[in-house]
Protein backbone atom coordinates (compact mmCIF):
# COMPACT_ATOMS: atom_id res chain seq x y z
CA UNK A 1 0.00 0.00 0.00
CA UNK A 2 1.25 3.49 -0.81
CA UNK A 3 0.73 6.23 1.75
CA UNK A 4 1.40 9.95 1.34
CA UNK A 5 3.07 11.49 4.38
CA UNK A 6 4.10 14.99 5.45
CA UNK A 7 7.19 15.01 7.66
CA UNK A 8 7.71 17.59 10.38
CA UNK A 9 11.40 17.41 11.36
CA UNK A 10 12.73 18.86 14.60
CA UNK A 11 9.54 18.22 16.55
CA UNK A 12 9.52 17.88 20.32
CA UNK A 13 8.53 14.20 20.02
CA UNK A 14 8.02 11.55 17.38
CA UNK A 15 4.37 10.97 16.51
CA UNK A 16 2.30 9.66 13.62
CA UNK A 17 -1.27 10.80 13.15
CA UNK A 18 -3.56 13.44 11.77
CA UNK A 19 -4.13 14.90 8.34
CA UNK A 20 -2.11 17.43 6.42
CA UNK A 21 -4.11 19.56 4.01
CA UNK A 22 -7.31 18.40 2.40
CA UNK A 23 -6.30 14.94 1.20
CA UNK A 24 -5.36 11.72 2.92
CA UNK A 25 -1.83 12.86 3.78
CA UNK A 26 -0.60 11.46 7.08
CA UNK A 27 1.42 13.73 9.39
CA UNK A 28 4.68 12.25 10.73
CA UNK A 29 6.51 14.34 13.35
CA UNK A 30 10.10 13.36 14.15
CA UNK A 31 12.70 14.73 16.52
CA UNK A 32 15.49 14.31 13.95
CA UNK A 33 16.62 17.33 11.98
CA UNK A 34 16.39 17.45 8.19
CA UNK A 35 20.12 16.92 7.71
CA UNK A 36 21.74 14.12 5.69
CA UNK A 37 18.49 12.15 5.41
CA UNK A 38 18.13 11.70 9.18
CA UNK A 39 14.56 13.02 9.27
CA UNK A 40 13.56 10.76 6.38
CA UNK A 41 15.00 7.68 8.08
CA UNK A 42 13.32 8.63 11.36
CA UNK A 43 10.02 9.09 9.52
CA UNK A 44 10.29 5.66 7.89
CA UNK A 45 10.97 4.08 11.30
CA UNK A 46 8.00 5.94 12.82
CA UNK A 47 5.69 4.84 9.99
CA UNK A 48 6.80 1.23 10.42
CA UNK A 49 6.07 1.37 14.13
CA UNK A 50 2.70 3.08 13.62
CA UNK A 51 1.61 0.50 11.04
CA UNK A 52 3.00 -2.33 13.19
CA UNK A 53 5.34 -3.66 10.49
CA UNK A 54 9.11 -4.14 10.35
CA UNK A 55 11.24 -1.20 9.17
CA UNK A 56 12.31 -3.18 6.11
CA UNK A 57 8.63 -3.37 5.06
CA UNK A 58 8.53 0.42 4.60
CA UNK A 59 10.31 2.00 1.64
CA UNK A 60 10.52 5.50 0.24
CA UNK A 61 8.90 5.91 -3.19
CA UNK A 62 9.23 9.66 -3.73
CA UNK A 63 10.31 12.76 -1.83
CA UNK A 64 13.81 12.01 -0.57
CA UNK A 65 14.56 15.72 -0.03
CA UNK A 66 11.01 16.98 0.49
CA UNK A 67 8.74 17.12 3.52
CA UNK A 68 6.03 15.57 1.34
CA UNK A 69 6.80 11.93 0.65
CA UNK A 70 5.16 8.75 -0.58
CA UNK A 71 6.05 5.50 1.15
CA UNK A 72 5.29 1.91 0.23
CA UNK A 73 4.23 -0.36 3.10
CA UNK A 74 4.26 -4.13 2.62
CA UNK A 75 1.60 -6.05 4.49
CA UNK A 76 -2.01 -7.18 4.44
CA UNK A 77 -4.10 -4.59 2.58
CA UNK A 78 -7.09 -4.78 4.91
CA UNK A 79 -4.99 -4.39 8.05
CA UNK A 80 -2.96 -1.53 6.59
CA UNK A 81 -6.08 0.30 5.35
CA UNK A 82 -7.81 0.14 8.71
CA UNK A 83 -4.64 1.27 10.49
CA UNK A 84 -4.22 4.18 8.01
CA UNK A 85 -7.82 5.28 8.59
CA UNK A 86 -7.29 5.16 12.34
CA UNK A 87 -4.11 7.25 12.11
CA UNK A 88 -5.76 9.78 9.78
CA UNK A 89 -8.65 10.14 12.18
CA UNK A 90 -11.25 8.77 9.76
CA UNK A 91 -14.45 7.34 11.23
PDB file of N, CA and C in Angstrom:
ATOM      1  N   UNK A   1       0.843  -1.168   0.000  1.00  0.00           N
ATOM      2  CA  UNK A   1       0.000   0.000   0.000  1.00  0.00           C
ATOM      3  C   UNK A   1       0.894   1.239   0.000  1.00  0.00           C
ATOM      4  N   UNK A   2       0.533   2.213  -0.791  1.00  0.00           N
ATOM      5  CA  UNK A   2       1.250   3.490  -0.808  1.00  0.00           C
ATOM      6  C   UNK A   2       0.506   4.499   0.065  1.00  0.00           C
ATOM      7  N   UNK A   3       1.291   5.235   0.838  1.00  0.00           N
ATOM      8  CA  UNK A   3       0.734   6.229   1.749  1.00  0.00           C
ATOM      9  C   UNK A   3       1.504   7.528   1.573  1.00  0.00           C
ATOM     10  N   UNK A   4       0.782   8.623   1.410  1.00  0.00           N
ATOM     11  CA  UNK A   4       1.397   9.949   1.344  1.00  0.00           C
ATOM     12  C   UNK A   4       1.590  10.444   2.772  1.00  0.00           C
ATOM     13  N   UNK A   5       2.789  10.973   3.053  1.00  0.00           N
ATOM     14  CA  UNK A   5       3.073  11.493   4.383  1.00  0.00           C
ATOM     15  C   UNK A   5       3.661  12.896   4.272  1.00  0.00           C
ATOM     16  N   UNK A   6       3.484  13.663   5.327  1.00  0.00           N
ATOM     17  CA  UNK A   6       4.096  14.985   5.446  1.00  0.00           C
ATOM     18  C   UNK A   6       4.953  14.944   6.703  1.00  0.00           C
ATOM     19  N   UNK A   7       6.256  15.127   6.544  1.00  0.00           N
ATOM     20  CA  UNK A   7       7.192  15.008   7.657  1.00  0.00           C
ATOM     21  C   UNK A   7       7.432  16.376   8.286  1.00  0.00           C
ATOM     22  N   UNK A   8       7.396  16.390   9.617  1.00  0.00           N
ATOM     23  CA  UNK A   8       7.713  17.591  10.383  1.00  0.00           C
ATOM     24  C   UNK A   8       8.971  17.313  11.198  1.00  0.00           C
ATOM     25  N   UNK A   9      10.143  17.663  10.637  1.00  0.00           N
ATOM     26  CA  UNK A   9      11.395  17.410  11.361  1.00  0.00           C
ATOM     27  C   UNK A   9      11.595  18.386  12.510  1.00  0.00           C
ATOM     28  N   UNK A  10      12.405  17.982  13.483  1.00  0.00           N
ATOM     29  CA  UNK A  10      12.733  18.860  14.598  1.00  0.00           C
ATOM     30  C   UNK A  10      11.606  19.053  15.589  1.00  0.00           C
ATOM     31  N   UNK A  11      10.657  18.133  15.614  1.00  0.00           N
ATOM     32  CA  UNK A  11       9.538  18.221  16.552  1.00  0.00           C
ATOM     33  C   UNK A  11       9.988  17.842  17.958  1.00  0.00           C
ATOM     34  N   UNK A  12       9.190  18.190  18.937  1.00  0.00           N
ATOM     35  CA  UNK A  12       9.518  17.879  20.323  1.00  0.00           C
ATOM     36  C   UNK A  12       9.483  16.373  20.581  1.00  0.00           C
ATOM     37  N   UNK A  13       8.618  15.648  19.856  1.00  0.00           N
ATOM     38  CA  UNK A  13       8.533  14.203  20.024  1.00  0.00           C
ATOM     39  C   UNK A  13       8.129  13.561  18.709  1.00  0.00           C
ATOM     40  N   UNK A  14       8.398  12.289  18.582  1.00  0.00           N
ATOM     41  CA  UNK A  14       8.020  11.547  17.385  1.00  0.00           C
ATOM     42  C   UNK A  14       6.582  11.098  17.524  1.00  0.00           C
ATOM     43  N   UNK A  15       5.772  11.356  16.489  1.00  0.00           N
ATOM     44  CA  UNK A  15       4.366  10.972  16.512  1.00  0.00           C
ATOM     45  C   UNK A  15       3.873  10.792  15.080  1.00  0.00           C
ATOM     46  N   UNK A  16       2.919   9.892  14.917  1.00  0.00           N
ATOM     47  CA  UNK A  16       2.297   9.659  13.619  1.00  0.00           C
ATOM     48  C   UNK A  16       0.796   9.780  13.817  1.00  0.00           C
ATOM     49  N   UNK A  17       0.167  10.669  13.054  1.00  0.00           N
ATOM     50  CA  UNK A  17      -1.273  10.801  13.145  1.00  0.00           C
ATOM     51  C   UNK A  17      -1.749  12.170  12.733  1.00  0.00           C
ATOM     52  N   UNK A  18      -2.955  12.201  12.222  1.00  0.00           N
ATOM     53  CA  UNK A  18      -3.555  13.437  11.775  1.00  0.00           C
ATOM     54  C   UNK A  18      -3.400  13.636  10.278  1.00  0.00           C
ATOM     55  N   UNK A  19      -4.134  14.601   9.775  1.00  0.00           N
ATOM     56  CA  UNK A  19      -4.133  14.901   8.342  1.00  0.00           C
ATOM     57  C   UNK A  19      -3.379  16.191   8.065  1.00  0.00           C
ATOM     58  N   UNK A  20      -2.749  16.209   6.903  1.00  0.00           N
ATOM     59  CA  UNK A  20      -2.111  17.432   6.424  1.00  0.00           C
ATOM     60  C   UNK A  20      -2.871  17.854   5.173  1.00  0.00           C
ATOM     61  N   UNK A  21      -3.376  19.067   5.179  1.00  0.00           N
ATOM     62  CA  UNK A  21      -4.107  19.560   4.010  1.00  0.00           C
ATOM     63  C   UNK A  21      -5.471  18.914   3.879  1.00  0.00           C
ATOM     64  N   UNK A  22      -5.954  18.882   2.649  1.00  0.00           N
ATOM     65  CA  UNK A  22      -7.311  18.402   2.398  1.00  0.00           C
ATOM     66  C   UNK A  22      -7.392  16.928   2.039  1.00  0.00           C
ATOM     67  N   UNK A  23      -6.282  16.339   1.619  1.00  0.00           N
ATOM     68  CA  UNK A  23      -6.304  14.944   1.196  1.00  0.00           C
ATOM     69  C   UNK A  23      -5.983  13.986   2.332  1.00  0.00           C
ATOM     70  N   UNK A  24      -5.722  12.751   1.955  1.00  0.00           N
ATOM     71  CA  UNK A  24      -5.356  11.723   2.920  1.00  0.00           C
ATOM     72  C   UNK A  24      -3.841  11.672   3.086  1.00  0.00           C
ATOM     73  N   UNK A  25      -3.275  12.778   3.551  1.00  0.00           N
ATOM     74  CA  UNK A  25      -1.833  12.865   3.780  1.00  0.00           C
ATOM     75  C   UNK A  25      -1.607  12.757   5.283  1.00  0.00           C
ATOM     76  N   UNK A  26      -0.852  11.756   5.684  1.00  0.00           N
ATOM     77  CA  UNK A  26      -0.599  11.457   7.083  1.00  0.00           C
ATOM     78  C   UNK A  26       0.555  12.305   7.605  1.00  0.00           C
ATOM     79  N   UNK A  27       0.382  12.902   8.773  1.00  0.00           N
ATOM     80  CA  UNK A  27       1.423  13.729   9.390  1.00  0.00           C
ATOM     81  C   UNK A  27       2.349  12.840  10.215  1.00  0.00           C
ATOM     82  N   UNK A  28       3.664  12.998   9.985  1.00  0.00           N
ATOM     83  CA  UNK A  28       4.678  12.254  10.734  1.00  0.00           C
ATOM     84  C   UNK A  28       5.640  13.270  11.332  1.00  0.00           C
ATOM     85  N   UNK A  29       5.606  13.425  12.649  1.00  0.00           N
ATOM     86  CA  UNK A  29       6.505  14.343  13.347  1.00  0.00           C
ATOM     87  C   UNK A  29       7.683  13.540  13.881  1.00  0.00           C
ATOM     88  N   UNK A  30       8.888  14.046  13.663  1.00  0.00           N
ATOM     89  CA  UNK A  30      10.096  13.361  14.146  1.00  0.00           C
ATOM     90  C   UNK A  30      11.017  14.345  14.838  1.00  0.00           C
ATOM     91  N   UNK A  31      11.770  13.861  15.789  1.00  0.00           N
ATOM     92  CA  UNK A  31      12.695  14.729  16.517  1.00  0.00           C
ATOM     93  C   UNK A  31      13.951  15.006  15.711  1.00  0.00           C
ATOM     94  N   UNK A  32      14.282  14.136  14.772  1.00  0.00           N
ATOM     95  CA  UNK A  32      15.492  14.308  13.955  1.00  0.00           C
ATOM     96  C   UNK A  32      15.395  15.554  13.082  1.00  0.00           C
ATOM     97  N   UNK A  33      16.534  16.176  12.862  1.00  0.00           N
ATOM     98  CA  UNK A  33      16.623  17.334  11.975  1.00  0.00           C
ATOM     99  C   UNK A  33      16.714  16.881  10.526  1.00  0.00           C
ATOM    100  N   UNK A  34      16.348  17.750   9.622  1.00  0.00           N
ATOM    101  CA  UNK A  34      16.393  17.454   8.188  1.00  0.00           C
ATOM    102  C   UNK A  34      17.803  17.658   7.651  1.00  0.00           C
ATOM    103  N   UNK A  35      18.723  16.837   8.111  1.00  0.00           N
ATOM    104  CA  UNK A  35      20.122  16.916   7.708  1.00  0.00           C
ATOM    105  C   UNK A  35      20.586  15.517   7.326  1.00  0.00           C
ATOM    106  N   UNK A  36      21.168  15.384   6.140  1.00  0.00           N
ATOM    107  CA  UNK A  36      21.738  14.118   5.686  1.00  0.00           C
ATOM    108  C   UNK A  36      20.753  12.954   5.721  1.00  0.00           C
ATOM    109  N   UNK A  37      19.475  13.209   5.480  1.00  0.00           N
ATOM    110  CA  UNK A  37      18.485  12.146   5.413  1.00  0.00           C
ATOM    111  C   UNK A  37      18.051  11.587   6.751  1.00  0.00           C
ATOM    112  N   UNK A  38      18.483  12.210   7.848  1.00  0.00           N
ATOM    113  CA  UNK A  38      18.134  11.697   9.178  1.00  0.00           C
ATOM    114  C   UNK A  38      16.641  11.795   9.464  1.00  0.00           C
ATOM    115  N   UNK A  39      15.994  12.872   9.045  1.00  0.00           N
ATOM    116  CA  UNK A  39      14.555  13.017   9.274  1.00  0.00           C
ATOM    117  C   UNK A  39      13.774  12.001   8.440  1.00  0.00           C
ATOM    118  N   UNK A  40      14.225  11.747   7.229  1.00  0.00           N
ATOM    119  CA  UNK A  40      13.558  10.760   6.379  1.00  0.00           C
ATOM    120  C   UNK A  40      13.656   9.377   6.998  1.00  0.00           C
ATOM    121  N   UNK A  41      14.825   8.990   7.447  1.00  0.00           N
ATOM    122  CA  UNK A  41      14.995   7.678   8.077  1.00  0.00           C
ATOM    123  C   UNK A  41      14.152   7.575   9.344  1.00  0.00           C
ATOM    124  N   UNK A  42      14.131   8.630  10.144  1.00  0.00           N
ATOM    125  CA  UNK A  42      13.317   8.631  11.360  1.00  0.00           C
ATOM    126  C   UNK A  42      11.833   8.511  11.017  1.00  0.00           C
ATOM    127  N   UNK A  43      11.414   9.169   9.942  1.00  0.00           N
ATOM    128  CA  UNK A  43      10.015   9.091   9.516  1.00  0.00           C
ATOM    129  C   UNK A  43       9.658   7.682   9.067  1.00  0.00           C
ATOM    130  N   UNK A  44      10.553   7.030   8.334  1.00  0.00           N
ATOM    131  CA  UNK A  44      10.292   5.661   7.891  1.00  0.00           C
ATOM    132  C   UNK A  44      10.200   4.710   9.080  1.00  0.00           C
ATOM    133  N   UNK A  45      11.045   4.903  10.080  1.00  0.00           N
ATOM    134  CA  UNK A  45      10.970   4.083  11.298  1.00  0.00           C
ATOM    135  C   UNK A  45       9.660   4.328  12.035  1.00  0.00           C
ATOM    136  N   UNK A  46       9.247   5.601  12.117  1.00  0.00           N
ATOM    137  CA  UNK A  46       8.004   5.942  12.816  1.00  0.00           C
ATOM    138  C   UNK A  46       6.786   5.359  12.099  1.00  0.00           C
ATOM    139  N   UNK A  47       6.795   5.412  10.767  1.00  0.00           N
ATOM    140  CA  UNK A  47       5.687   4.841   9.988  1.00  0.00           C
ATOM    141  C   UNK A  47       5.627   3.332  10.205  1.00  0.00           C
ATOM    142  N   UNK A  48       6.770   2.677  10.193  1.00  0.00           N
ATOM    143  CA  UNK A  48       6.804   1.225  10.418  1.00  0.00           C
ATOM    144  C   UNK A  48       6.213   0.882  11.778  1.00  0.00           C
ATOM    145  N   UNK A  49       6.596   1.626  12.791  1.00  0.00           N
ATOM    146  CA  UNK A  49       6.071   1.373  14.129  1.00  0.00           C
ATOM    147  C   UNK A  49       4.565   1.636  14.191  1.00  0.00           C
ATOM    148  N   UNK A  50       4.121   2.729  13.586  1.00  0.00           N
ATOM    149  CA  UNK A  50       2.697   3.081  13.624  1.00  0.00           C
ATOM    150  C   UNK A  50       1.832   2.055  12.894  1.00  0.00           C
ATOM    151  N   UNK A  51       2.360   1.494  11.810  1.00  0.00           N
ATOM    152  CA  UNK A  51       1.608   0.504  11.044  1.00  0.00           C
ATOM    153  C   UNK A  51       1.888  -0.923  11.518  1.00  0.00           C
ATOM    154  N   UNK A  52       2.694  -1.038  12.560  1.00  0.00           N
ATOM    155  CA  UNK A  52       3.004  -2.325  13.185  1.00  0.00           C
ATOM    156  C   UNK A  52       3.600  -3.320  12.192  1.00  0.00           C
ATOM    157  N   UNK A  53       4.588  -2.819  11.417  1.00  0.00           N
ATOM    158  CA  UNK A  53       5.343  -3.664  10.493  1.00  0.00           C
ATOM    159  C   UNK A  53       6.830  -3.455  10.775  1.00  0.00           C
ATOM    160  N   UNK A  54       7.663  -4.301  10.199  1.00  0.00           N
ATOM    161  CA  UNK A  54       9.108  -4.135  10.346  1.00  0.00           C
ATOM    162  C   UNK A  54       9.576  -2.942   9.511  1.00  0.00           C
ATOM    163  N   UNK A  55      10.689  -2.355   9.907  1.00  0.00           N
ATOM    164  CA  UNK A  55      11.236  -1.205   9.173  1.00  0.00           C
ATOM    165  C   UNK A  55      11.518  -1.573   7.731  1.00  0.00           C
ATOM    166  N   UNK A  56      11.983  -2.782   7.483  1.00  0.00           N
ATOM    167  CA  UNK A  56      12.306  -3.181   6.113  1.00  0.00           C
ATOM    168  C   UNK A  56      11.067  -3.329   5.231  1.00  0.00           C
ATOM    169  N   UNK A  57       9.874  -3.298   5.826  1.00  0.00           N
ATOM    170  CA  UNK A  57       8.628  -3.373   5.063  1.00  0.00           C
ATOM    171  C   UNK A  57       8.144  -1.990   4.620  1.00  0.00           C
ATOM    172  N   UNK A  58       8.883  -0.955   4.976  1.00  0.00           N
ATOM    173  CA  UNK A  58       8.532   0.419   4.601  1.00  0.00           C
ATOM    174  C   UNK A  58       9.657   0.974   3.731  1.00  0.00           C
ATOM    175  N   UNK A  59       9.289   1.439   2.533  1.00  0.00           N
ATOM    176  CA  UNK A  59      10.306   2.001   1.640  1.00  0.00           C
ATOM    177  C   UNK A  59       9.833   3.340   1.081  1.00  0.00           C
ATOM    178  N   UNK A  60      10.791   4.185   0.806  1.00  0.00           N
ATOM    179  CA  UNK A  60      10.516   5.502   0.244  1.00  0.00           C
ATOM    180  C   UNK A  60      10.304   5.380  -1.258  1.00  0.00           C
ATOM    181  N   UNK A  61       9.193   5.931  -1.758  1.00  0.00           N
ATOM    182  CA  UNK A  61       8.904   5.907  -3.194  1.00  0.00           C
ATOM    183  C   UNK A  61       9.327   7.231  -3.818  1.00  0.00           C
ATOM    184  N   UNK A  62       8.870   8.332  -3.239  1.00  0.00           N
ATOM    185  CA  UNK A  62       9.228   9.662  -3.732  1.00  0.00           C
ATOM    186  C   UNK A  62       9.418  10.617  -2.559  1.00  0.00           C
ATOM    187  N   UNK A  63      10.180  11.688  -2.802  1.00  0.00           N
ATOM    188  CA  UNK A  63      10.307  12.761  -1.828  1.00  0.00           C
ATOM    189  C   UNK A  63      11.508  12.681  -0.917  1.00  0.00           C
ATOM    190  N   UNK A  64      12.618  12.178  -1.407  1.00  0.00           N
ATOM    191  CA  UNK A  64      13.810  12.014  -0.568  1.00  0.00           C
ATOM    192  C   UNK A  64      14.246  13.317   0.094  1.00  0.00           C
ATOM    193  N   UNK A  65      14.111  14.442  -0.589  1.00  0.00           N
ATOM    194  CA  UNK A  65      14.560  15.720  -0.028  1.00  0.00           C
ATOM    195  C   UNK A  65      13.407  16.670   0.261  1.00  0.00           C
ATOM    196  N   UNK A  66      12.196  16.166   0.263  1.00  0.00           N
ATOM    197  CA  UNK A  66      11.011  16.985   0.486  1.00  0.00           C
ATOM    198  C   UNK A  66      10.334  16.582   1.796  1.00  0.00           C
ATOM    199  N   UNK A  67       9.548  17.478   2.344  1.00  0.00           N
ATOM    200  CA  UNK A  67       8.741  17.117   3.519  1.00  0.00           C
ATOM    201  C   UNK A  67       7.558  16.250   3.107  1.00  0.00           C
ATOM    202  N   UNK A  68       7.131  16.384   1.864  1.00  0.00           N
ATOM    203  CA  UNK A  68       6.030  15.567   1.344  1.00  0.00           C
ATOM    204  C   UNK A  68       6.622  14.346   0.659  1.00  0.00           C
ATOM    205  N   UNK A  69       6.230  13.175   1.137  1.00  0.00           N
ATOM    206  CA  UNK A  69       6.803  11.925   0.648  1.00  0.00           C
ATOM    207  C   UNK A  69       5.697  10.914   0.387  1.00  0.00           C
ATOM    208  N   UNK A  70       6.037   9.906  -0.394  1.00  0.00           N
ATOM    209  CA  UNK A  70       5.160   8.754  -0.584  1.00  0.00           C
ATOM    210  C   UNK A  70       5.975   7.540  -0.176  1.00  0.00           C
ATOM    211  N   UNK A  71       5.378   6.713   0.692  1.00  0.00           N
ATOM    212  CA  UNK A  71       6.052   5.499   1.147  1.00  0.00           C
ATOM    213  C   UNK A  71       5.226   4.288   0.741  1.00  0.00           C
ATOM    214  N   UNK A  72       5.915   3.188   0.539  1.00  0.00           N
ATOM    215  CA  UNK A  72       5.291   1.909   0.229  1.00  0.00           C
ATOM    216  C   UNK A  72       5.401   1.049   1.484  1.00  0.00           C
ATOM    217  N   UNK A  73       4.257   0.493   1.900  1.00  0.00           N
ATOM    218  CA  UNK A  73       4.233  -0.364   3.097  1.00  0.00           C
ATOM    219  C   UNK A  73       3.779  -1.748   2.666  1.00  0.00           C
ATOM    220  N   UNK A  74       4.608  -2.744   2.936  1.00  0.00           N
ATOM    221  CA  UNK A  74       4.260  -4.127   2.621  1.00  0.00           C
ATOM    222  C   UNK A  74       3.484  -4.722   3.786  1.00  0.00           C
ATOM    223  N   UNK A  75       2.408  -5.413   3.458  1.00  0.00           N
ATOM    224  CA  UNK A  75       1.596  -6.048   4.494  1.00  0.00           C
ATOM    225  C   UNK A  75       0.218  -6.355   3.958  1.00  0.00           C
ATOM    226  N   UNK A  76      -0.649  -6.836   4.812  1.00  0.00           N
ATOM    227  CA  UNK A  76      -2.011  -7.176   4.440  1.00  0.00           C
ATOM    228  C   UNK A  76      -2.800  -5.900   4.173  1.00  0.00           C
ATOM    229  N   UNK A  77      -3.397  -5.806   2.995  1.00  0.00           N
ATOM    230  CA  UNK A  77      -4.097  -4.586   2.576  1.00  0.00           C
ATOM    231  C   UNK A  77      -5.184  -4.175   3.557  1.00  0.00           C
ATOM    232  N   UNK A  78      -5.984  -5.113   4.005  1.00  0.00           N
ATOM    233  CA  UNK A  78      -7.091  -4.783   4.907  1.00  0.00           C
ATOM    234  C   UNK A  78      -6.572  -4.229   6.233  1.00  0.00           C
ATOM    235  N   UNK A  79      -5.548  -4.849   6.782  1.00  0.00           N
ATOM    236  CA  UNK A  79      -4.988  -4.391   8.055  1.00  0.00           C
ATOM    237  C   UNK A  79      -4.347  -3.015   7.908  1.00  0.00           C
ATOM    238  N   UNK A  80      -3.610  -2.812   6.804  1.00  0.00           N
ATOM    239  CA  UNK A  80      -2.962  -1.527   6.586  1.00  0.00           C
ATOM    240  C   UNK A  80      -3.981  -0.413   6.362  1.00  0.00           C
ATOM    241  N   UNK A  81      -5.046  -0.709   5.618  1.00  0.00           N
ATOM    242  CA  UNK A  81      -6.083   0.303   5.347  1.00  0.00           C
ATOM    243  C   UNK A  81      -6.781   0.733   6.624  1.00  0.00           C
ATOM    244  N   UNK A  82      -7.123  -0.222   7.477  1.00  0.00           N
ATOM    245  CA  UNK A  82      -7.811   0.142   8.713  1.00  0.00           C
ATOM    246  C   UNK A  82      -6.884   0.922   9.639  1.00  0.00           C
ATOM    247  N   UNK A  83      -5.605   0.553   9.661  1.00  0.00           N
ATOM    248  CA  UNK A  83      -4.636   1.273  10.485  1.00  0.00           C
ATOM    249  C   UNK A  83      -4.439   2.694   9.956  1.00  0.00           C
ATOM    250  N   UNK A  84      -4.360   2.854   8.620  1.00  0.00           N
ATOM    251  CA  UNK A  84      -4.221   4.183   8.014  1.00  0.00           C
ATOM    252  C   UNK A  84      -5.420   5.063   8.376  1.00  0.00           C
ATOM    253  N   UNK A  85      -6.625   4.511   8.254  1.00  0.00           N
ATOM    254  CA  UNK A  85      -7.824   5.279   8.586  1.00  0.00           C
ATOM    255  C   UNK A  85      -7.820   5.708  10.050  1.00  0.00           C
ATOM    256  N   UNK A  86      -7.366   4.829  10.925  1.00  0.00           N
ATOM    257  CA  UNK A  86      -7.287   5.161  12.345  1.00  0.00           C
ATOM    258  C   UNK A  86      -6.290   6.299  12.579  1.00  0.00           C
ATOM    259  N   UNK A  87      -5.137   6.221  11.948  1.00  0.00           N
ATOM    260  CA  UNK A  87      -4.113   7.252  12.110  1.00  0.00           C
ATOM    261  C   UNK A  87      -4.528   8.596  11.500  1.00  0.00           C
ATOM    262  N   UNK A  88      -5.282   8.534  10.408  1.00  0.00           N
ATOM    263  CA  UNK A  88      -5.755   9.780   9.778  1.00  0.00           C
ATOM    264  C   UNK A  88      -6.897  10.411  10.561  1.00  0.00           C
ATOM    265  N   UNK A  89      -7.515   9.624  11.423  1.00  0.00           N
ATOM    266  CA  UNK A  89      -8.649  10.138  12.180  1.00  0.00           C
ATOM    267  C   UNK A  89      -9.968   9.960  11.464  1.00  0.00           C
ATOM    268  N   UNK A  90     -10.007   9.040  10.490  1.00  0.00           N
ATOM    269  CA  UNK A  90     -11.247   8.769   9.762  1.00  0.00           C
ATOM    270  C   UNK A  90     -12.176   7.937  10.633  1.00  0.00           C
ATOM    271  N   UNK A  91     -13.487   8.107  10.439  1.00  0.00           N
ATOM    272  CA  UNK A  91     -14.447   7.341  11.232  1.00  0.00           C
ATOM    273  C   UNK A  91     -14.400   5.868  10.950  1.00  0.00           C
TER     274      UNK A  91
END
